Amino acid sequence: MREDGYRPNAAASHEKATEDNAFEDAYANHLDPLVAISRTGDVYWAEGYHRFAIASVLGVETIPVLALCRHQAWQQARDDLCTELSFSRPSGLEEHSNHPDMQDIGQ
């Protein structure tokens, strides 16, 4: 990670799962870290703690994650940000526009 940066998990190669745990090969090893997002936009790690810790120690500022779930109020803010024109957004909505979970929304 220090020399090559963060490598998304899908690009990594993993050992094949054992017969008694096919889940590992079919699902878990192909995911990037998973997060849950609260009503206020706080990000809570659900999976991928080791990758987060290593990236943090090495000073890697961002890594790709998958949003496992979002609080209903946060999802509503995402929906509103997506549908409201930038000049007509309420100030409470505009403050969320720089949040990492809002970067995939056309602004």
PDB file of N, CA and C in Angstrom:
ATOM      1  N   MET A   1       0.837  -1.177   0.000  1.00  0.00           N
ATOM      2  CA  MET A   1       0.000   0.000   0.000  1.00  0.00           C
ATOM      3  C   MET A   1       0.886   1.245   0.000  1.00  0.00           C
ATOM      4  N   ARG A   2       2.010   1.175   0.688  1.00  0.00           N
ATOM      5  CA  ARG A   2       2.906   2.332   0.737  1.00  0.00           C
ATOM      6  C   ARG A   2       3.453   2.657  -0.649  1.00  0.00           C
ATOM      7  N   GLU A   3       3.866   1.630  -1.406  1.00  0.00           N
ATOM      8  CA  GLU A   3       4.470   1.869  -2.715  1.00  0.00           C
ATOM      9  C   GLU A   3       3.444   2.042  -3.825  1.00  0.00           C
ATOM     10  N   ASP A   4       2.388   1.264  -3.805  1.00  0.00           N
ATOM     11  CA  ASP A   4       1.436   1.240  -4.916  1.00  0.00           C
ATOM     12  C   ASP A   4       0.107   1.915  -4.629  1.00  0.00           C
ATOM     13  N   GLY A   5      -0.054   2.469  -3.435  1.00  0.00           N
ATOM     14  CA  GLY A   5      -1.339   3.066  -3.090  1.00  0.00           C
ATOM     15  C   GLY A   5      -2.357   1.996  -2.736  1.00  0.00           C
ATOM     16  N   TYR A   6      -3.582   2.396  -2.576  1.00  0.00           N
ATOM     17  CA  TYR A   6      -4.637   1.459  -2.206  1.00  0.00           C
ATOM     18  C   TYR A   6      -5.101   0.711  -3.440  1.00  0.00           C
ATOM     19  N   ARG A   7      -5.165  -0.584  -3.351  1.00  0.00           N
ATOM     20  CA  ARG A   7      -5.628  -1.424  -4.456  1.00  0.00           C
ATOM     21  C   ARG A   7      -7.034  -1.913  -4.113  1.00  0.00           C
ATOM     22  N   PRO A   8      -8.027  -1.582  -4.928  1.00  0.00           N
ATOM     23  CA  PRO A   8      -9.389  -2.056  -4.646  1.00  0.00           C
ATOM     24  C   PRO A   8      -9.414  -3.570  -4.478  1.00  0.00           C
ATOM     25  N   ASN A   9     -10.270  -4.029  -3.611  1.00  0.00           N
ATOM     26  CA  ASN A   9     -10.309  -5.444  -3.260  1.00  0.00           C
ATOM     27  C   ASN A   9     -10.637  -6.338  -4.448  1.00  0.00           C
ATOM     28  N   ALA A  10     -11.442  -5.878  -5.366  1.00  0.00           N
ATOM     29  CA  ALA A  10     -11.805  -6.699  -6.524  1.00  0.00           C
ATOM     30  C   ALA A  10     -10.584  -7.015  -7.387  1.00  0.00           C
ATOM     31  N   ALA A  11      -9.576  -6.138  -7.357  1.00  0.00           N
ATOM     32  CA  ALA A  11      -8.373  -6.349  -8.157  1.00  0.00           C
ATOM     33  C   ALA A  11      -7.365  -7.259  -7.458  1.00  0.00           C
ATOM     34  N   ALA A  12      -7.567  -7.507  -6.172  1.00  0.00           N
ATOM     35  CA  ALA A  12      -6.647  -8.351  -5.413  1.00  0.00           C
ATOM     36  C   ALA A  12      -6.959  -9.820  -5.667  1.00  0.00           C
ATOM     37  N   SER A  13      -5.949 -10.632  -5.525  1.00  0.00           N
ATOM     38  CA  SER A  13      -6.208 -12.072  -5.642  1.00  0.00           C
ATOM     39  C   SER A  13      -6.181 -12.675  -4.246  1.00  0.00           C
ATOM     40  N   HIS A  14      -7.105 -13.557  -3.983  1.00  0.00           N
ATOM     41  CA  HIS A  14      -7.225 -14.191  -2.679  1.00  0.00           C
ATOM     42  C   HIS A  14      -7.175 -15.692  -2.846  1.00  0.00           C
ATOM     43  N   GLU A  15      -6.809 -16.344  -1.764  1.00  0.00           N
ATOM     44  CA  GLU A  15      -6.865 -17.800  -1.780  1.00  0.00           C
ATOM     45  C   GLU A  15      -8.312 -18.234  -1.926  1.00  0.00           C
ATOM     46  N   LYS A  16      -8.498 -19.347  -2.583  1.00  0.00           N
ATOM     47  CA  LYS A  16      -9.850 -19.881  -2.753  1.00  0.00           C
ATOM     48  C   LYS A  16     -10.414 -20.308  -1.406  1.00  0.00           C
ATOM     49  N   ALA A  17     -11.717 -20.237  -1.312  1.00  0.00           N
ATOM     50  CA  ALA A  17     -12.393 -20.621  -0.078  1.00  0.00           C
ATOM     51  C   ALA A  17     -12.293 -22.120   0.147  1.00  0.00           C
ATOM     52  N   THR A  18     -12.407 -22.487   1.388  1.00  0.00           N
ATOM     53  CA  THR A  18     -12.452 -23.909   1.700  1.00  0.00           C
ATOM     54  C   THR A  18     -13.858 -24.419   1.426  1.00  0.00           C
ATOM     55  N   GLU A  19     -14.004 -25.721   1.330  1.00  0.00           N
ATOM     56  CA  GLU A  19     -15.318 -26.296   1.035  1.00  0.00           C
ATOM     57  C   GLU A  19     -16.361 -25.927   2.077  1.00  0.00           C
ATOM     58  N   ASP A  20     -15.929 -25.786   3.320  1.00  0.00           N
ATOM     59  CA  ASP A  20     -16.893 -25.503   4.381  1.00  0.00           C
ATOM     60  C   ASP A  20     -17.238 -24.020   4.493  1.00  0.00           C
ATOM     61  N   ASN A  21     -16.633 -23.168   3.649  1.00  0.00           N
ATOM     62  CA  ASN A  21     -16.941 -21.744   3.721  1.00  0.00           C
ATOM     63  C   ASN A  21     -16.887 -21.114   2.335  1.00  0.00           C
ATOM     64  N   ALA A  22     -17.804 -21.476   1.483  1.00  0.00           N
ATOM     65  CA  ALA A  22     -17.847 -20.943   0.118  1.00  0.00           C
ATOM     66  C   ALA A  22     -18.177 -19.455   0.097  1.00  0.00           C
ATOM     67  N   PHE A  23     -18.751 -18.933   1.171  1.00  0.00           N
ATOM     68  CA  PHE A  23     -19.096 -17.516   1.269  1.00  0.00           C
ATOM     69  C   PHE A  23     -17.889 -16.633   0.994  1.00  0.00           C
ATOM     70  N   GLU A  24     -16.735 -17.013   1.529  1.00  0.00           N
ATOM     71  CA  GLU A  24     -15.541 -16.186   1.389  1.00  0.00           C
ATOM     72  C   GLU A  24     -15.179 -15.957  -0.073  1.00  0.00           C
ATOM     73  N   ASP A  25     -15.248 -16.995  -0.889  1.00  0.00           N
ATOM     74  CA  ASP A  25     -14.892 -16.842  -2.293  1.00  0.00           C
ATOM     75  C   ASP A  25     -16.002 -16.169  -3.087  1.00  0.00           C
ATOM     76  N   ALA A  26     -17.216 -16.453  -2.735  1.00  0.00           N
ATOM     77  CA  ALA A  26     -18.347 -15.943  -3.505  1.00  0.00           C
ATOM     78  C   ALA A  26     -18.655 -14.487  -3.206  1.00  0.00           C
ATOM     79  N   TYR A  27     -18.289 -13.992  -2.043  1.00  0.00           N
ATOM     80  CA  TYR A  27     -18.788 -12.681  -1.653  1.00  0.00           C
ATOM     81  C   TYR A  27     -17.760 -11.817  -0.933  1.00  0.00           C
ATOM     82  N   ALA A  28     -17.367 -12.221   0.246  1.00  0.00           N
ATOM     83  CA  ALA A  28     -16.639 -11.332   1.149  1.00  0.00           C
ATOM     84  C   ALA A  28     -15.315 -10.834   0.596  1.00  0.00           C
ATOM     85  N   ASN A  29     -14.527 -11.679  -0.033  1.00  0.00           N
ATOM     86  CA  ASN A  29     -13.213 -11.252  -0.495  1.00  0.00           C
ATOM     87  C   ASN A  29     -13.253 -10.352  -1.715  1.00  0.00           C
ATOM     88  N   HIS A  30     -14.402 -10.149  -2.292  1.00  0.00           N
ATOM     89  CA  HIS A  30     -14.500  -9.311  -3.485  1.00  0.00           C
ATOM     90  C   HIS A  30     -15.018  -7.916  -3.174  1.00  0.00           C
ATOM     91  N   LEU A  31     -15.267  -7.634  -1.911  1.00  0.00           N
ATOM     92  CA  LEU A  31     -15.828  -6.342  -1.539  1.00  0.00           C
ATOM     93  C   LEU A  31     -14.764  -5.392  -1.027  1.00  0.00           C
ATOM     94  N   ASP A  32     -14.944  -4.119  -1.311  1.00  0.00           N
ATOM     95  CA  ASP A  32     -14.166  -3.093  -0.644  1.00  0.00           C
ATOM     96  C   ASP A  32     -14.767  -2.912   0.742  1.00  0.00           C
ATOM     97  N   PRO A  33     -14.114  -2.131   1.606  1.00  0.00           N
ATOM     98  CA  PRO A  33     -14.668  -1.936   2.952  1.00  0.00           C
ATOM     99  C   PRO A  33     -16.121  -1.457   2.900  1.00  0.00           C
ATOM    100  N   LEU A  34     -16.893  -1.886   3.883  1.00  0.00           N
ATOM    101  CA  LEU A  34     -18.307  -1.531   3.970  1.00  0.00           C
ATOM    102  C   LEU A  34     -18.520  -0.503   5.069  1.00  0.00           C
ATOM    103  N   VAL A  35     -19.384   0.477   4.797  1.00  0.00           N
ATOM    104  CA  VAL A  35     -19.713   1.489   5.795  1.00  0.00           C
ATOM    105  C   VAL A  35     -21.224   1.646   5.901  1.00  0.00           C
ATOM    106  N   ALA A  36     -21.650   2.132   7.044  1.00  0.00           N
ATOM    107  CA  ALA A  36     -23.036   2.541   7.261  1.00  0.00           C
ATOM    108  C   ALA A  36     -23.000   4.039   7.516  1.00  0.00           C
ATOM    109  N   ILE A  37     -24.022   4.749   7.061  1.00  0.00           N
ATOM    110  CA  ILE A  37     -24.036   6.204   7.194  1.00  0.00           C
ATOM    111  C   ILE A  37     -25.242   6.611   8.020  1.00  0.00           C
ATOM    112  N   SER A  38     -24.980   7.429   9.049  1.00  0.00           N
ATOM    113  CA  SER A  38     -26.020   7.823   9.999  1.00  0.00           C
ATOM    114  C   SER A  38     -26.897   8.938   9.440  1.00  0.00           C
ATOM    115  N   ARG A  39     -27.902   9.321  10.219  1.00  0.00           N
ATOM    116  CA  ARG A  39     -28.815  10.395   9.808  1.00  0.00           C
ATOM    117  C   ARG A  39     -28.099  11.720   9.598  1.00  0.00           C
ATOM    118  N   THR A  40     -26.966  11.922  10.282  1.00  0.00           N
ATOM    119  CA  THR A  40     -26.222  13.173  10.158  1.00  0.00           C
ATOM    120  C   THR A  40     -25.032  13.062   9.209  1.00  0.00           C
ATOM    121  N   GLY A  41     -24.855  11.889   8.595  1.00  0.00           N
ATOM    122  CA  GLY A  41     -23.756  11.705   7.654  1.00  0.00           C
ATOM    123  C   GLY A  41     -22.501  11.120   8.270  1.00  0.00           C
ATOM    124  N   ASP A  42     -22.553  10.769   9.563  1.00  0.00           N
ATOM    125  CA  ASP A  42     -21.394  10.122  10.176  1.00  0.00           C
ATOM    126  C   ASP A  42     -21.191   8.761   9.524  1.00  0.00           C
ATOM    127  N   VAL A  43     -19.932   8.421   9.267  1.00  0.00           N
ATOM    128  CA  VAL A  43     -19.593   7.168   8.599  1.00  0.00           C
ATOM    129  C   VAL A  43     -19.121   6.169   9.648  1.00  0.00           C
ATOM    130  N   TYR A  44     -19.743   5.003   9.667  1.00  0.00           N
ATOM    131  CA  TYR A  44     -19.391   3.934  10.594  1.00  0.00           C
ATOM    132  C   TYR A  44     -18.908   2.731   9.799  1.00  0.00           C
ATOM    133  N   TRP A  45     -17.709   2.258  10.129  1.00  0.00           N
ATOM    134  CA  TRP A  45     -17.131   1.112   9.435  1.00  0.00           C
ATOM    135  C   TRP A  45     -17.848  -0.154   9.852  1.00  0.00           C
ATOM    136  N   ALA A  46     -18.228  -0.975   8.877  1.00  0.00           N
ATOM    137  CA  ALA A  46     -18.893  -2.245   9.151  1.00  0.00           C
ATOM    138  C   ALA A  46     -18.006  -3.431   8.766  1.00  0.00           C
ATOM    139  N   GLU A  47     -17.084  -3.229   7.862  1.00  0.00           N
ATOM    140  CA  GLU A  47     -16.188  -4.292   7.388  1.00  0.00           C
ATOM    141  C   GLU A  47     -14.983  -3.624   6.745  1.00  0.00           C
ATOM    142  N   GLY A  48     -13.818  -4.242   6.859  1.00  0.00           N
ATOM    143  CA  GLY A  48     -12.615  -3.688   6.241  1.00  0.00           C
ATOM    144  C   GLY A  48     -11.752  -2.899   7.207  1.00  0.00           C
ATOM    145  N   TYR A  49     -11.838  -3.222   8.490  1.00  0.00           N
ATOM    146  CA  TYR A  49     -11.089  -2.493   9.517  1.00  0.00           C
ATOM    147  C   TYR A  49      -9.581  -2.544   9.283  1.00  0.00           C
ATOM    148  N   HIS A  50      -9.071  -3.695   8.872  1.00  0.00           N
ATOM    149  CA  HIS A  50      -7.631  -3.816   8.666  1.00  0.00           C
ATOM    150  C   HIS A  50      -7.163  -2.903   7.539  1.00  0.00           C
ATOM    151  N   ARG A  51      -7.911  -2.872   6.448  1.00  0.00           N
ATOM    152  CA  ARG A  51      -7.521  -2.007   5.328  1.00  0.00           C
ATOM    153  C   ARG A  51      -7.591  -0.538   5.725  1.00  0.00           C
ATOM    154  N   PHE A  52      -8.616  -0.184   6.496  1.00  0.00           N
ATOM    155  CA  PHE A  52      -8.723   1.191   6.973  1.00  0.00           C
ATOM    156  C   PHE A  52      -7.545   1.535   7.881  1.00  0.00           C
ATOM    157  N   ALA A  53      -7.198   0.643   8.804  1.00  0.00           N
ATOM    158  CA  ALA A  53      -6.102   0.900   9.736  1.00  0.00           C
ATOM    159  C   ALA A  53      -4.772   1.041   9.003  1.00  0.00           C
ATOM    160  N   ILE A  54      -4.508   0.163   8.053  1.00  0.00           N
ATOM    161  CA  ILE A  54      -3.255   0.231   7.299  1.00  0.00           C
ATOM    162  C   ILE A  54      -3.193   1.522   6.494  1.00  0.00           C
ATOM    163  N   ALA A  55      -4.281   1.870   5.831  1.00  0.00           N
ATOM    164  CA  ALA A  55      -4.317   3.118   5.054  1.00  0.00           C
ATOM    165  C   ALA A  55      -4.084   4.314   5.964  1.00  0.00           C
ATOM    166  N   SER A  56      -4.675   4.298   7.136  1.00  0.00           N
ATOM    167  CA  SER A  56      -4.523   5.399   8.085  1.00  0.00           C
ATOM    168  C   SER A  56      -3.071   5.535   8.549  1.00  0.00           C
ATOM    169  N   VAL A  57      -2.440   4.424   8.909  1.00  0.00           N
ATOM    170  CA  VAL A  57      -1.049   4.441   9.363  1.00  0.00           C
ATOM    171  C   VAL A  57      -0.123   4.936   8.256  1.00  0.00           C
ATOM    172  N   LEU A  58      -0.410   4.560   7.017  1.00  0.00           N
ATOM    173  CA  LEU A  58       0.441   4.949   5.891  1.00  0.00           C
ATOM    174  C   LEU A  58       0.114   6.332   5.337  1.00  0.00           C
ATOM    175  N   GLY A  59      -0.916   6.966   5.868  1.00  0.00           N
ATOM    176  CA  GLY A  59      -1.267   8.308   5.409  1.00  0.00           C
ATOM    177  C   GLY A  59      -2.047   8.347   4.109  1.00  0.00           C
ATOM    178  N   VAL A  60      -2.646   7.226   3.719  1.00  0.00           N
ATOM    179  CA  VAL A  60      -3.500   7.208   2.527  1.00  0.00           C
ATOM    180  C   VAL A  60      -4.801   7.908   2.909  1.00  0.00           C
ATOM    181  N   GLU A  61      -5.094   9.024   2.258  1.00  0.00           N
ATOM    182  CA  GLU A  61      -6.211   9.866   2.687  1.00  0.00           C
ATOM    183  C   GLU A  61      -7.583   9.321   2.322  1.00  0.00           C
ATOM    184  N   THR A  62      -7.713   8.653   1.199  1.00  0.00           N
ATOM    185  CA  THR A  62      -9.018   8.134   0.798  1.00  0.00           C
ATOM    186  C   THR A  62      -8.871   6.713   0.285  1.00  0.00           C
ATOM    187  N   ILE A  63      -9.886   5.908   0.552  1.00  0.00           N
ATOM    188  CA  ILE A  63      -9.967   4.567  -0.005  1.00  0.00           C
ATOM    189  C   ILE A  63     -11.410   4.350  -0.454  1.00  0.00           C
ATOM    190  N   PRO A  64     -11.622   3.522  -1.470  1.00  0.00           N
ATOM    191  CA  PRO A  64     -12.997   3.273  -1.906  1.00  0.00           C
ATOM    192  C   PRO A  64     -13.730   2.408  -0.884  1.00  0.00           C
ATOM    193  N   VAL A  65     -14.993   2.711  -0.683  1.00  0.00           N
ATOM    194  CA  VAL A  65     -15.843   1.924   0.211  1.00  0.00           C
ATOM    195  C   VAL A  65     -17.185   1.702  -0.469  1.00  0.00           C
ATOM    196  N   LEU A  66     -17.928   0.755   0.037  1.00  0.00           N
ATOM    197  CA  LEU A  66     -19.300   0.523  -0.403  1.00  0.00           C
ATOM    198  C   LEU A  66     -20.220   0.897   0.743  1.00  0.00           C
ATOM    199  N   ALA A  67     -21.261   1.665   0.443  1.00  0.00           N
ATOM    200  CA  ALA A  67     -22.247   2.021   1.466  1.00  0.00           C
ATOM    201  C   ALA A  67     -23.197   0.842   1.636  1.00  0.00           C
ATOM    202  N   LEU A  68     -23.085   0.180   2.763  1.00  0.00           N
ATOM    203  CA  LEU A  68     -23.933  -0.966   3.066  1.00  0.00           C
ATOM    204  C   LEU A  68     -25.357  -0.507   3.338  1.00  0.00           C
ATOM    205  N   CYS A  69     -25.483   0.593   4.077  1.00  0.00           N
ATOM    206  CA  CYS A  69     -26.809   1.148   4.355  1.00  0.00           C
ATOM    207  C   CYS A  69     -26.675   2.623   4.708  1.00  0.00           C
ATOM    208  N   ARG A  70     -27.756   3.341   4.504  1.00  0.00           N
ATOM    209  CA  ARG A  70     -27.846   4.758   4.845  1.00  0.00           C
ATOM    210  C   ARG A  70     -29.116   4.966   5.661  1.00  0.00           C
ATOM    211  N   HIS A  71     -29.023   5.831   6.673  1.00  0.00           N
ATOM    212  CA  HIS A  71     -30.222   6.181   7.433  1.00  0.00           C
ATOM    213  C   HIS A  71     -31.210   6.851   6.477  1.00  0.00           C
ATOM    214  N   GLN A  72     -32.491   6.661   6.734  1.00  0.00           N
ATOM    215  CA  GLN A  72     -33.532   7.201   5.857  1.00  0.00           C
ATOM    216  C   GLN A  72     -33.402   8.714   5.693  1.00  0.00           C
ATOM    217  N   ALA A  73     -33.090   9.431   6.776  1.00  0.00           N
ATOM    218  CA  ALA A  73     -32.952  10.892   6.692  1.00  0.00           C
ATOM    219  C   ALA A  73     -31.762  11.281   5.812  1.00  0.00           C
ATOM    220  N   TRP A  74     -30.668  10.518   5.890  1.00  0.00           N
ATOM    221  CA  TRP A  74     -29.506  10.812   5.052  1.00  0.00           C
ATOM    222  C   TRP A  74     -29.808  10.509   3.587  1.00  0.00           C
ATOM    223  N   GLN A  75     -30.509   9.413   3.345  1.00  0.00           N
ATOM    224  CA  GLN A  75     -30.888   9.085   1.974  1.00  0.00           C
ATOM    225  C   GLN A  75     -31.790  10.170   1.400  1.00  0.00           C
ATOM    226  N   GLN A  76     -32.673  10.719   2.224  1.00  0.00           N
ATOM    227  CA  GLN A  76     -33.540  11.809   1.767  1.00  0.00           C
ATOM    228  C   GLN A  76     -32.706  13.033   1.397  1.00  0.00           C
ATOM    229  N   ALA A  77     -31.668  13.323   2.196  1.00  0.00           N
ATOM    230  CA  ALA A  77     -30.775  14.444   1.873  1.00  0.00           C
ATOM    231  C   ALA A  77     -30.071  14.192   0.539  1.00  0.00           C
ATOM    232  N   ARG A  78     -29.638  12.958   0.291  1.00  0.00           N
ATOM    233  CA  ARG A  78     -29.023  12.617  -1.004  1.00  0.00           C
ATOM    234  C   ARG A  78     -30.014  12.826  -2.141  1.00  0.00           C
ATOM    235  N   ASP A  79     -31.234  12.344  -1.941  1.00  0.00           N
ATOM    236  CA  ASP A  79     -32.258  12.494  -2.977  1.00  0.00           C
ATOM    237  C   ASP A  79     -32.548  13.968  -3.245  1.00  0.00           C
ATOM    238  N   ASP A  80     -32.663  14.752  -2.168  1.00  0.00           N
ATOM    239  CA  ASP A  80     -32.939  16.182  -2.315  1.00  0.00           C
ATOM    240  C   ASP A  80     -31.796  16.891  -3.026  1.00  0.00           C
ATOM    241  N   LEU A  81     -30.568  16.560  -2.663  1.00  0.00           N
ATOM    242  CA  LEU A  81     -29.408  17.185  -3.292  1.00  0.00           C
ATOM    243  C   LEU A  81     -29.368  16.864  -4.783  1.00  0.00           C
ATOM    244  N   CYS A  82     -29.789  15.683  -5.120  1.00  0.00           N
ATOM    245  CA  CYS A  82     -29.799  15.251  -6.518  1.00  0.00           C
ATOM    246  C   CYS A  82     -30.864  15.988  -7.331  1.00  0.00           C
ATOM    247  N   THR A  83     -32.008  16.272  -6.716  1.00  0.00           N
ATOM    248  CA  THR A  83     -33.121  16.853  -7.467  1.00  0.00           C
ATOM    249  C   THR A  83     -33.195  18.374  -7.401  1.00  0.00           C
ATOM    250  N   GLU A  84     -32.642  18.981  -6.358  1.00  0.00           N
ATOM    251  CA  GLU A  84     -32.703  20.443  -6.229  1.00  0.00           C
ATOM    252  C   GLU A  84     -31.622  21.100  -7.085  1.00  0.00           C
ATOM    253  N   LEU A  85     -31.968  22.175  -7.740  1.00  0.00           N
ATOM    254  CA  LEU A  85     -30.981  22.952  -8.485  1.00  0.00           C
ATOM    255  C   LEU A  85     -30.053  23.635  -7.495  1.00  0.00           C
ATOM    256  N   SER A  86     -28.782  23.765  -7.845  1.00  0.00           N
ATOM    257  CA  SER A  86     -27.796  24.283  -6.899  1.00  0.00           C
ATOM    258  C   SER A  86     -28.139  25.676  -6.382  1.00  0.00           C
ATOM    259  N   PHE A  87     -28.740  26.535  -7.189  1.00  0.00           N
ATOM    260  CA  PHE A  87     -29.047  27.892  -6.740  1.00  0.00           C
ATOM    261  C   PHE A  87     -30.290  27.955  -5.857  1.00  0.00           C
ATOM    262  N   SER A  88     -31.083  26.892  -5.813  1.00  0.00           N
ATOM    263  CA  SER A  88     -32.306  26.930  -5.012  1.00  0.00           C
ATOM    264  C   SER A  88     -32.250  26.009  -3.792  1.00  0.00           C
ATOM    265  N   ARG A  89     -31.081  25.458  -3.492  1.00  0.00           N
ATOM    266  CA  ARG A  89     -30.959  24.541  -2.356  1.00  0.00           C
ATOM    267  C   ARG A  89     -31.027  25.294  -1.033  1.00  0.00           C
ATOM    268  N   PRO A  90     -31.743  24.741  -0.069  1.00  0.00           N
ATOM    269  CA  PRO A  90     -31.706  25.318   1.274  1.00  0.00           C
ATOM    270  C   PRO A  90     -30.293  25.193   1.842  1.00  0.00           C
ATOM    271  N   SER A  91     -29.906  26.112   2.727  1.00  0.00           N
ATOM    272  CA  SER A  91     -28.542  26.109   3.261  1.00  0.00           C
ATOM    273  C   SER A  91     -28.217  24.811   3.990  1.00  0.00           C
ATOM    274  N   GLY A  92     -29.182  24.211   4.669  1.00  0.00           N
ATOM    275  CA  GLY A  92     -28.934  22.954   5.364  1.00  0.00           C
ATOM    276  C   GLY A  92     -28.553  21.837   4.419  1.00  0.00           C
ATOM    277  N   LEU A  93     -29.083  21.878   3.217  1.00  0.00           N
ATOM    278  CA  LEU A  93     -28.772  20.861   2.219  1.00  0.00           C
ATOM    279  C   LEU A  93     -27.416  21.138   1.571  1.00  0.00           C
ATOM    280  N   GLU A  94     -27.127  22.391   1.335  1.00  0.00           N
ATOM    281  CA  GLU A  94     -25.874  22.771   0.681  1.00  0.00           C
ATOM    282  C   GLU A  94     -24.657  22.377   1.522  1.00  0.00           C
ATOM    283  N   GLU A  95     -24.798  22.399   2.845  1.00  0.00           N
ATOM    284  CA  GLU A  95     -23.659  22.050   3.699  1.00  0.00           C
ATOM    285  C   GLU A  95     -23.234  20.591   3.525  1.00  0.00           C
ATOM    286  N   HIS A  96     -24.117  19.753   3.027  1.00  0.00           N
ATOM    287  CA  HIS A  96     -23.788  18.343   2.806  1.00  0.00           C
ATOM    288  C   HIS A  96     -23.138  18.090   1.451  1.00  0.00           C
ATOM    289  N   SER A  97     -23.092  19.073   0.585  1.00  0.00           N
ATOM    290  CA  SER A  97     -22.659  18.826  -0.796  1.00  0.00           C
ATOM    291  C   SER A  97     -21.206  18.367  -0.910  1.00  0.00           C
ATOM    292  N   ASN A  98     -20.364  18.647   0.086  1.00  0.00           N
ATOM    293  CA  ASN A  98     -18.964  18.221   0.034  1.00  0.00           C
ATOM    294  C   ASN A  98     -18.711  16.912   0.772  1.00  0.00           C
ATOM    295  N   HIS A  99     -19.749  16.307   1.315  1.00  0.00           N
ATOM    296  CA  HIS A  99     -19.607  15.044   2.048  1.00  0.00           C
ATOM    297  C   HIS A  99     -19.156  13.953   1.077  1.00  0.00           C
ATOM    298  N   PRO A 100     -18.265  13.053   1.505  1.00  0.00           N
ATOM    299  CA  PRO A 100     -17.798  11.990   0.603  1.00  0.00           C
ATOM    300  C   PRO A 100     -18.926  11.155  -0.007  1.00  0.00           C
ATOM    301  N   ASP A 101     -20.021  10.970   0.724  1.00  0.00           N
ATOM    302  CA  ASP A 101     -21.124  10.162   0.197  1.00  0.00           C
ATOM    303  C   ASP A 101     -21.967  10.918  -0.825  1.00  0.00           C
ATOM    304  N   MET A 102     -21.691  12.182  -1.023  1.00  0.00           N
ATOM    305  CA  MET A 102     -22.444  12.975  -2.002  1.00  0.00           C
ATOM    306  C   MET A 102     -21.673  13.178  -3.301  1.00  0.00           C
ATOM    307  N   GLN A 103     -20.450  12.676  -3.382  1.00  0.00           N
ATOM    308  CA  GLN A 103     -19.606  12.967  -4.536  1.00  0.00           C
ATOM    309  C   GLN A 103     -20.051  12.274  -5.816  1.00  0.00           C
ATOM    310  N   ASP A 104     -20.869  11.248  -5.709  1.00  0.00           N
ATOM    311  CA  ASP A 104     -21.344  10.572  -6.917  1.00  0.00           C
ATOM    312  C   ASP A 104     -22.603  11.209  -7.486  1.00  0.00           C
ATOM    313  N   ILE A 105     -23.085  12.255  -6.835  1.00  0.00           N
ATOM    314  CA  ILE A 105     -24.299  12.940  -7.283  1.00  0.00           C
ATOM    315  C   ILE A 105     -23.890  14.111  -8.160  1.00  0.00           C
ATOM    316  N   GLY A 106     -24.463  14.232  -9.328  1.00  0.00           N
ATOM    317  CA  GLY A 106     -24.168  15.357 -10.212  1.00  0.00           C
ATOM    318  C   GLY A 106     -24.560  16.663  -9.549  1.00  0.00           C
ATOM    319  N   GLN A 107     -23.583  17.514  -9.313  1.00  0.00           N
ATOM    320  CA  GLN A 107     -23.853  18.770  -8.620  1.00  0.00           C
ATOM    321  C   GLN A 107     -23.626  19.886  -9.579  1.00  0.00           C
TER     322      GLN A 107
END
